[in-house]
């Protein structure tokens, strides 16, 4: 499959780099799609619970 160690290491590097790029893209997408706290349909309940926890 691999002729020498250099080809194996290069293949390993490319695979790892592709995985890192995919993770970064998924993180960017998750940040773009996520809603701000308090803007969900449970927003009022979440805010009320937070104020009760502070007391």
PDB file of N, CA and C in Angstrom:
ATOM      1  N   UNK A   1       0.833  -1.186   0.000  1.00  0.00           N
ATOM      2  CA  UNK A   1       0.000   0.000   0.000  1.00  0.00           C
ATOM      3  C   UNK A   1       0.878   1.251   0.000  1.00  0.00           C
ATOM      4  N   UNK A   2       1.848   1.333   0.901  1.00  0.00           N
ATOM      5  CA  UNK A   2       2.754   2.479   0.950  1.00  0.00           C
ATOM      6  C   UNK A   2       4.144   2.000   0.557  1.00  0.00           C
ATOM      7  N   UNK A   3       4.790   2.773  -0.283  1.00  0.00           N
ATOM      8  CA  UNK A   3       6.127   2.403  -0.727  1.00  0.00           C
ATOM      9  C   UNK A   3       7.176   2.628   0.338  1.00  0.00           C
ATOM     10  N   UNK A   4       7.005   3.664   1.145  1.00  0.00           N
ATOM     11  CA  UNK A   4       7.989   3.947   2.193  1.00  0.00           C
ATOM     12  C   UNK A   4       7.340   4.717   3.336  1.00  0.00           C
ATOM     13  N   UNK A   5       8.122   4.978   4.362  1.00  0.00           N
ATOM     14  CA  UNK A   5       7.602   5.673   5.539  1.00  0.00           C
ATOM     15  C   UNK A   5       7.155   7.092   5.227  1.00  0.00           C
ATOM     16  N   UNK A   6       7.835   7.755   4.307  1.00  0.00           N
ATOM     17  CA  UNK A   6       7.478   9.130   3.971  1.00  0.00           C
ATOM     18  C   UNK A   6       6.067   9.196   3.378  1.00  0.00           C
ATOM     19  N   UNK A   7       5.751   8.253   2.508  1.00  0.00           N
ATOM     20  CA  UNK A   7       4.404   8.236   1.922  1.00  0.00           C
ATOM     21  C   UNK A   7       3.348   7.962   2.987  1.00  0.00           C
ATOM     22  N   UNK A   8       3.661   7.071   3.912  1.00  0.00           N
ATOM     23  CA  UNK A   8       2.723   6.770   4.999  1.00  0.00           C
ATOM     24  C   UNK A   8       2.492   8.001   5.871  1.00  0.00           C
ATOM     25  N   UNK A   9       3.586   8.673   6.249  1.00  0.00           N
ATOM     26  CA  UNK A   9       3.450   9.855   7.104  1.00  0.00           C
ATOM     27  C   UNK A   9       2.696  10.972   6.397  1.00  0.00           C
ATOM     28  N   UNK A  10       2.942  11.146   5.106  1.00  0.00           N
ATOM     29  CA  UNK A  10       2.229  12.172   4.350  1.00  0.00           C
ATOM     30  C   UNK A  10       0.739  11.841   4.275  1.00  0.00           C
ATOM     31  N   UNK A  11       0.418  10.580   4.065  1.00  0.00           N
ATOM     32  CA  UNK A  11      -0.974  10.168   4.022  1.00  0.00           C
ATOM     33  C   UNK A  11      -1.644  10.380   5.377  1.00  0.00           C
ATOM     34  N   UNK A  12      -0.929  10.031   6.437  1.00  0.00           N
ATOM     35  CA  UNK A  12      -1.452  10.236   7.784  1.00  0.00           C
ATOM     36  C   UNK A  12      -1.688  11.715   8.067  1.00  0.00           C
ATOM     37  N   UNK A  13      -0.761  12.550   7.660  1.00  0.00           N
ATOM     38  CA  UNK A  13      -0.892  13.998   7.850  1.00  0.00           C
ATOM     39  C   UNK A  13      -2.098  14.539   7.095  1.00  0.00           C
ATOM     40  N   UNK A  14      -2.249  14.121   5.851  1.00  0.00           N
ATOM     41  CA  UNK A  14      -3.381  14.610   5.047  1.00  0.00           C
ATOM     42  C   UNK A  14      -4.712  14.169   5.646  1.00  0.00           C
ATOM     43  N   UNK A  15      -4.779  12.948   6.124  1.00  0.00           N
ATOM     44  CA  UNK A  15      -6.012  12.454   6.744  1.00  0.00           C
ATOM     45  C   UNK A  15      -6.340  13.252   8.001  1.00  0.00           C
ATOM     46  N   UNK A  16      -5.336  13.479   8.826  1.00  0.00           N
ATOM     47  CA  UNK A  16      -5.549  14.236  10.060  1.00  0.00           C
ATOM     48  C   UNK A  16      -5.953  15.676   9.749  1.00  0.00           C
ATOM     49  N   UNK A  17      -5.306  16.283   8.772  1.00  0.00           N
ATOM     50  CA  UNK A  17      -5.639  17.654   8.388  1.00  0.00           C
ATOM     51  C   UNK A  17      -7.078  17.737   7.884  1.00  0.00           C
ATOM     52  N   UNK A  18      -7.512  16.742   7.125  1.00  0.00           N
ATOM     53  CA  UNK A  18      -8.888  16.730   6.627  1.00  0.00           C
ATOM     54  C   UNK A  18      -9.881  16.602   7.786  1.00  0.00           C
ATOM     55  N   UNK A  19      -9.539  15.776   8.778  1.00  0.00           N
ATOM     56  CA  UNK A  19     -10.411  15.634   9.946  1.00  0.00           C
ATOM     57  C   UNK A  19     -10.499  16.948  10.727  1.00  0.00           C
ATOM     58  N   UNK A  20      -9.373  17.632  10.872  1.00  0.00           N
ATOM     59  CA  UNK A  20      -9.388  18.918  11.579  1.00  0.00           C
ATOM     60  C   UNK A  20     -10.218  19.954  10.838  1.00  0.00           C
ATOM     61  N   UNK A  21     -10.105  19.980   9.517  1.00  0.00           N
ATOM     62  CA  UNK A  21     -10.908  20.921   8.732  1.00  0.00           C
ATOM     63  C   UNK A  21     -12.391  20.607   8.872  1.00  0.00           C
ATOM     64  N   UNK A  22     -12.752  19.327   8.881  1.00  0.00           N
ATOM     65  CA  UNK A  22     -14.158  18.939   9.031  1.00  0.00           C
ATOM     66  C   UNK A  22     -14.689  19.347  10.406  1.00  0.00           C
ATOM     67  N   UNK A  23     -13.885  19.151  11.456  1.00  0.00           N
ATOM     68  CA  UNK A  23     -14.304  19.564  12.794  1.00  0.00           C
ATOM     69  C   UNK A  23     -14.483  21.075  12.885  1.00  0.00           C
ATOM     70  N   UNK A  24     -13.557  21.823  12.285  1.00  0.00           N
ATOM     71  CA  UNK A  24     -13.661  23.282  12.308  1.00  0.00           C
ATOM     72  C   UNK A  24     -14.911  23.746  11.573  1.00  0.00           C
ATOM     73  N   UNK A  25     -15.209  23.119  10.457  1.00  0.00           N
ATOM     74  CA  UNK A  25     -16.405  23.484   9.701  1.00  0.00           C
ATOM     75  C   UNK A  25     -17.666  23.167  10.499  1.00  0.00           C
ATOM     76  N   UNK A  26     -17.686  22.033  11.187  1.00  0.00           N
ATOM     77  CA  UNK A  26     -18.845  21.677  12.005  1.00  0.00           C
ATOM     78  C   UNK A  26     -19.011  22.658  13.164  1.00  0.00           C
ATOM     79  N   UNK A  27     -17.907  23.078  13.774  1.00  0.00           N
ATOM     80  CA  UNK A  27     -17.980  24.065  14.861  1.00  0.00           C
ATOM     81  C   UNK A  27     -18.509  25.402  14.369  1.00  0.00           C
ATOM     82  N   UNK A  28     -18.028  25.836  13.198  1.00  0.00           N
ATOM     83  CA  UNK A  28     -18.517  27.106  12.637  1.00  0.00           C
ATOM     84  C   UNK A  28     -20.008  27.024  12.349  1.00  0.00           C
ATOM     85  N   UNK A  29     -20.437  25.904  11.801  1.00  0.00           N
ATOM     86  CA  UNK A  29     -21.859  25.735  11.498  1.00  0.00           C
ATOM     87  C   UNK A  29     -22.685  25.740  12.778  1.00  0.00           C
ATOM     88  N   UNK A  30     -22.211  25.068  13.812  1.00  0.00           N
ATOM     89  CA  UNK A  30     -22.945  25.026  15.080  1.00  0.00           C
ATOM     90  C   UNK A  30     -23.056  26.413  15.694  1.00  0.00           C
ATOM     91  N   UNK A  31     -21.998  27.212  15.615  1.00  0.00           N
ATOM     92  CA  UNK A  31     -22.062  28.577  16.155  1.00  0.00           C
ATOM     93  C   UNK A  31     -22.999  29.444  15.329  1.00  0.00           C
ATOM     94  N   UNK A  32     -23.040  29.238  14.036  1.00  0.00           N
ATOM     95  CA  UNK A  32     -23.898  30.046  13.171  1.00  0.00           C
ATOM     96  C   UNK A  32     -25.372  29.714  13.386  1.00  0.00           C
ATOM     97  N   UNK A  33     -25.668  28.466  13.704  1.00  0.00           N
ATOM     98  CA  UNK A  33     -27.046  28.023  13.816  1.00  0.00           C
ATOM     99  C   UNK A  33     -27.582  28.202  15.230  1.00  0.00           C
ATOM    100  N   UNK A  34     -26.711  28.182  16.227  1.00  0.00           N
ATOM    101  CA  UNK A  34     -27.177  28.222  17.610  1.00  0.00           C
ATOM    102  C   UNK A  34     -27.890  29.532  17.915  1.00  0.00           C
ATOM    103  N   UNK A  35     -28.835  29.439  18.835  1.00  0.00           N
ATOM    104  CA  UNK A  35     -29.593  30.624  19.243  1.00  0.00           C
ATOM    105  C   UNK A  35     -28.975  31.210  20.500  1.00  0.00           C
ATOM    106  N   UNK A  36     -29.232  32.479  20.711  1.00  0.00           N
ATOM    107  CA  UNK A  36     -28.735  33.120  21.926  1.00  0.00           C
ATOM    108  C   UNK A  36     -29.557  32.674  23.126  1.00  0.00           C
ATOM    109  N   UNK A  37     -28.964  32.599  24.295  1.00  0.00           N
ATOM    110  CA  UNK A  37     -29.731  32.217  25.488  1.00  0.00           C
ATOM    111  C   UNK A  37     -30.859  33.215  25.751  1.00  0.00           C
ATOM    112  N   UNK A  38     -31.992  32.708  26.170  1.00  0.00           N
ATOM    113  CA  UNK A  38     -33.126  33.565  26.460  1.00  0.00           C
ATOM    114  C   UNK A  38     -34.002  33.830  25.255  1.00  0.00           C
ATOM    115  N   UNK A  39     -33.609  33.362  24.087  1.00  0.00           N
ATOM    116  CA  UNK A  39     -34.403  33.583  22.886  1.00  0.00           C
ATOM    117  C   UNK A  39     -35.165  32.328  22.472  1.00  0.00           C
ATOM    118  N   UNK A  40     -35.077  31.269  23.251  1.00  0.00           N
ATOM    119  CA  UNK A  40     -35.788  30.045  22.920  1.00  0.00           C
ATOM    120  C   UNK A  40     -37.214  30.124  23.441  1.00  0.00           C
ATOM    121  N   UNK A  41     -38.023  29.128  23.127  1.00  0.00           N
ATOM    122  CA  UNK A  41     -39.413  29.131  23.577  1.00  0.00           C
ATOM    123  C   UNK A  41     -39.502  28.928  25.084  1.00  0.00           C
ATOM    124  N   UNK A  42     -38.418  28.463  25.699  1.00  0.00           N
ATOM    125  CA  UNK A  42     -38.383  28.325  27.151  1.00  0.00           C
ATOM    126  C   UNK A  42     -37.654  29.499  27.804  1.00  0.00           C
ATOM    127  N   UNK A  43     -37.417  30.541  27.068  1.00  0.00           N
ATOM    128  CA  UNK A  43     -36.602  31.645  27.546  1.00  0.00           C
ATOM    129  C   UNK A  43     -37.038  32.222  28.881  1.00  0.00           C
ATOM    130  N   UNK A  44     -38.323  32.448  29.068  1.00  0.00           N
ATOM    131  CA  UNK A  44     -38.792  33.049  30.319  1.00  0.00           C
ATOM    132  C   UNK A  44     -38.546  32.127  31.501  1.00  0.00           C
ATOM    133  N   UNK A  45     -38.802  30.845  31.300  1.00  0.00           N
ATOM    134  CA  UNK A  45     -38.560  29.896  32.394  1.00  0.00           C
ATOM    135  C   UNK A  45     -37.087  29.846  32.746  1.00  0.00           C
ATOM    136  N   UNK A  46     -36.228  29.843  31.747  1.00  0.00           N
ATOM    137  CA  UNK A  46     -34.792  29.794  31.999  1.00  0.00           C
ATOM    138  C   UNK A  46     -34.331  31.040  32.747  1.00  0.00           C
ATOM    139  N   UNK A  47     -34.839  32.196  32.347  1.00  0.00           N
ATOM    140  CA  UNK A  47     -34.449  33.429  33.024  1.00  0.00           C
ATOM    141  C   UNK A  47     -34.955  33.430  34.463  1.00  0.00           C
ATOM    142  N   UNK A  48     -36.188  32.955  34.692  1.00  0.00           N
ATOM    143  CA  UNK A  48     -36.736  32.924  36.045  1.00  0.00           C
ATOM    144  C   UNK A  48     -35.920  31.980  36.918  1.00  0.00           C
ATOM    145  N   UNK A  49     -35.536  30.858  36.370  1.00  0.00           N
ATOM    146  CA  UNK A  49     -34.752  29.905  37.139  1.00  0.00           C
ATOM    147  C   UNK A  49     -33.393  30.502  37.501  1.00  0.00           C
ATOM    148  N   UNK A  50     -32.809  31.250  36.600  1.00  0.00           N
ATOM    149  CA  UNK A  50     -31.514  31.868  36.881  1.00  0.00           C
ATOM    150  C   UNK A  50     -31.634  32.879  38.019  1.00  0.00           C
ATOM    151  N   UNK A  51     -32.683  33.680  38.029  1.00  0.00           N
ATOM    152  CA  UNK A  51     -32.836  34.673  39.095  1.00  0.00           C
ATOM    153  C   UNK A  51     -33.093  33.990  40.414  1.00  0.00           C
ATOM    154  N   UNK A  52     -33.838  32.872  40.422  1.00  0.00           N
ATOM    155  CA  UNK A  52     -34.062  32.145  41.667  1.00  0.00           C
ATOM    156  C   UNK A  52     -32.774  31.544  42.194  1.00  0.00           C
ATOM    157  N   UNK A  53     -31.916  31.095  41.310  1.00  0.00           N
ATOM    158  CA  UNK A  53     -30.660  30.478  41.728  1.00  0.00           C
ATOM    159  C   UNK A  53     -29.726  31.510  42.363  1.00  0.00           C
ATOM    160  N   UNK A  54     -29.850  32.752  41.947  1.00  0.00           N
ATOM    161  CA  UNK A  54     -28.965  33.803  42.502  1.00  0.00           C
ATOM    162  C   UNK A  54     -29.314  34.122  43.945  1.00  0.00           C
ATOM    163  N   UNK A  55     -30.575  33.962  44.297  1.00  0.00           N
ATOM    164  CA  UNK A  55     -31.007  34.307  45.662  1.00  0.00           C
ATOM    165  C   UNK A  55     -30.523  33.344  46.637  1.00  0.00           C
TER     166      UNK A  55
END
